[in-house]
N, C-alpha and C. Protein backbone atom coordinates (compact mmCIF):
# COMPACT_ATOMS: atom_id res chain seq x y z
N MET A 1 -45.01 18.00 -99.09
CA MET A 1 -43.74 18.90 -98.29
C MET A 1 -42.67 18.02 -97.45
N ASP A 2 -41.45 18.74 -97.57
CA ASP A 2 -39.82 18.38 -97.53
C ASP A 2 -39.82 18.02 -95.57
N SER A 3 -40.07 17.04 -95.28
CA SER A 3 -39.90 16.92 -93.56
C SER A 3 -38.61 16.51 -93.18
N SER A 4 -37.31 17.23 -94.54
CA SER A 4 -36.03 17.05 -93.90
C SER A 4 -36.20 17.90 -93.08
N ASP A 5 -36.68 18.94 -93.23
CA ASP A 5 -35.65 20.26 -92.41
C ASP A 5 -36.98 20.83 -91.38
N ASP A 6 -37.58 19.64 -90.56
CA ASP A 6 -38.81 20.52 -90.15
C ASP A 6 -38.15 20.79 -88.26
N GLN A 7 -37.28 19.89 -88.36
CA GLN A 7 -35.96 20.64 -86.94
C GLN A 7 -35.77 22.25 -86.99
N GLY A 8 -36.45 22.80 -88.26
CA GLY A 8 -35.67 24.05 -87.77
C GLY A 8 -37.26 25.47 -87.70
N GLN A 9 -37.89 24.61 -88.39
CA GLN A 9 -39.37 25.43 -88.47
C GLN A 9 -40.18 25.02 -86.91
N LEU A 10 -40.13 24.32 -85.51
CA LEU A 10 -40.53 23.73 -84.78
C LEU A 10 -40.83 25.12 -83.88
N PRO A 11 -42.32 25.55 -82.93
CA PRO A 11 -42.49 26.50 -82.29
C PRO A 11 -41.96 26.48 -81.03
N PRO A 12 -41.74 27.31 -80.08
CA PRO A 12 -41.16 27.46 -79.51
C PRO A 12 -41.95 26.27 -78.33
N GLY A 13 -41.72 24.97 -77.82
CA GLY A 13 -42.03 24.88 -76.58
C GLY A 13 -43.12 23.41 -77.36
N PHE A 14 -42.72 23.20 -78.69
CA PHE A 14 -42.95 21.90 -79.49
C PHE A 14 -42.79 20.85 -78.73
N TRP A 15 -41.41 20.47 -77.64
CA TRP A 15 -40.98 19.42 -77.39
C TRP A 15 -42.03 19.31 -75.76
N GLU A 16 -41.59 20.39 -75.10
CA GLU A 16 -42.21 20.10 -74.00
C GLU A 16 -43.62 19.57 -73.64
N ARG A 17 -44.39 20.64 -75.36
CA ARG A 17 -46.18 19.91 -75.69
C ARG A 17 -46.18 18.59 -75.93
N ILE A 18 -44.84 18.02 -77.06
CA ILE A 18 -45.13 16.38 -77.17
C ILE A 18 -45.05 15.80 -75.94
N ASP A 19 -44.07 16.59 -74.82
CA ASP A 19 -43.46 15.10 -73.45
C ASP A 19 -45.33 15.32 -72.65
N ALA A 20 -45.81 16.25 -72.85
CA ALA A 20 -46.87 16.65 -71.64
C ALA A 20 -48.00 15.90 -72.42
N ARG A 21 -48.33 15.86 -73.71
CA ARG A 21 -48.97 15.43 -74.18
C ARG A 21 -48.79 13.65 -74.38
N SER A 22 -47.36 12.98 -74.30
CA SER A 22 -47.15 11.82 -74.33
C SER A 22 -47.54 11.27 -72.64
N ALA A 23 -47.46 12.16 -72.30
CA ALA A 23 -47.95 11.91 -70.50
C ALA A 23 -49.35 10.85 -70.27
N GLN A 24 -49.80 12.06 -70.57
CA GLN A 24 -50.85 11.79 -70.80
C GLN A 24 -51.33 10.77 -71.56
N ILE A 25 -51.32 10.39 -72.87
CA ILE A 25 -51.40 9.23 -73.78
C ILE A 25 -51.05 7.85 -72.65
N ARG A 26 -49.57 8.13 -72.05
CA ARG A 26 -49.32 6.74 -72.56
C ARG A 26 -49.73 6.39 -70.65
N ALA A 27 -50.71 7.53 -69.74
CA ALA A 27 -51.70 7.27 -68.95
C ALA A 27 -53.00 6.13 -68.44
N ARG A 28 -53.53 7.14 -70.14
CA ARG A 28 -54.43 5.90 -70.97
C ARG A 28 -54.02 4.49 -71.78
N GLY A 29 -52.55 4.27 -71.50
CA GLY A 29 -52.32 3.00 -71.88
C GLY A 29 -52.45 2.68 -73.17
N TRP A 30 -52.24 3.73 -73.94
CA TRP A 30 -51.35 3.63 -75.61
C TRP A 30 -49.92 4.58 -75.04
N ASN A 31 -49.33 3.90 -75.79
CA ASN A 31 -47.71 4.49 -75.89
C ASN A 31 -47.25 4.78 -77.53
N PRO A 32 -47.45 5.53 -77.99
CA PRO A 32 -47.06 5.70 -79.21
C PRO A 32 -45.66 6.50 -79.46
N THR A 33 -44.85 6.94 -80.49
CA THR A 33 -43.28 6.78 -80.74
C THR A 33 -44.01 8.78 -81.02
N PRO A 34 -42.27 9.68 -80.79
CA PRO A 34 -42.27 10.99 -80.71
C PRO A 34 -42.60 11.21 -81.79
N SER A 35 -42.44 10.10 -82.82
CA SER A 35 -42.88 10.37 -84.51
C SER A 35 -43.83 10.81 -84.98
N GLU A 36 -44.91 10.21 -84.34
CA GLU A 36 -46.23 9.20 -84.34
C GLU A 36 -47.09 10.34 -83.34
N ILE A 37 -47.05 10.84 -82.44
CA ILE A 37 -47.23 12.07 -81.48
C ILE A 37 -47.24 13.78 -82.22
N GLY A 38 -45.69 13.30 -83.20
CA GLY A 38 -46.03 14.53 -83.50
C GLY A 38 -46.60 14.56 -84.89
N ALA A 39 -47.10 13.63 -86.02
CA ALA A 39 -47.76 13.80 -86.75
C ALA A 39 -49.44 13.94 -86.52
N MET A 40 -49.38 13.71 -85.34
CA MET A 40 -50.60 13.45 -84.72
C MET A 40 -51.14 15.58 -84.70
N ILE A 41 -49.97 16.06 -83.74
CA ILE A 41 -50.37 17.48 -83.59
C ILE A 41 -50.13 18.35 -84.69
N ALA A 42 -48.92 17.96 -85.38
CA ALA A 42 -49.55 18.43 -87.34
C ALA A 42 -50.34 18.19 -88.07
N GLU A 43 -51.21 17.71 -87.51
CA GLU A 43 -52.47 17.41 -88.65
C GLU A 43 -53.27 17.60 -87.82
N GLY A 44 -53.44 18.14 -86.31
CA GLY A 44 -54.61 18.48 -85.84
C GLY A 44 -55.24 17.75 -84.88
N ARG A 45 -54.77 17.08 -85.00
CA ARG A 45 -55.50 16.15 -84.26
C ARG A 45 -55.83 15.80 -83.05
N MET A 46 -54.34 16.89 -82.44
CA MET A 46 -54.10 16.74 -80.38
C MET A 46 -54.00 18.02 -80.46
């Protein structure tokens, strides 16, 4: 899968979802990068 064109493929609310998820994660003491969070969402782990 070519990741260079992912920006055009994101569903509505994608970054808002990441922001909400990352806030929850940071509250638990873990501070992943946005790309790590995005990878986990893409893999269905979040």
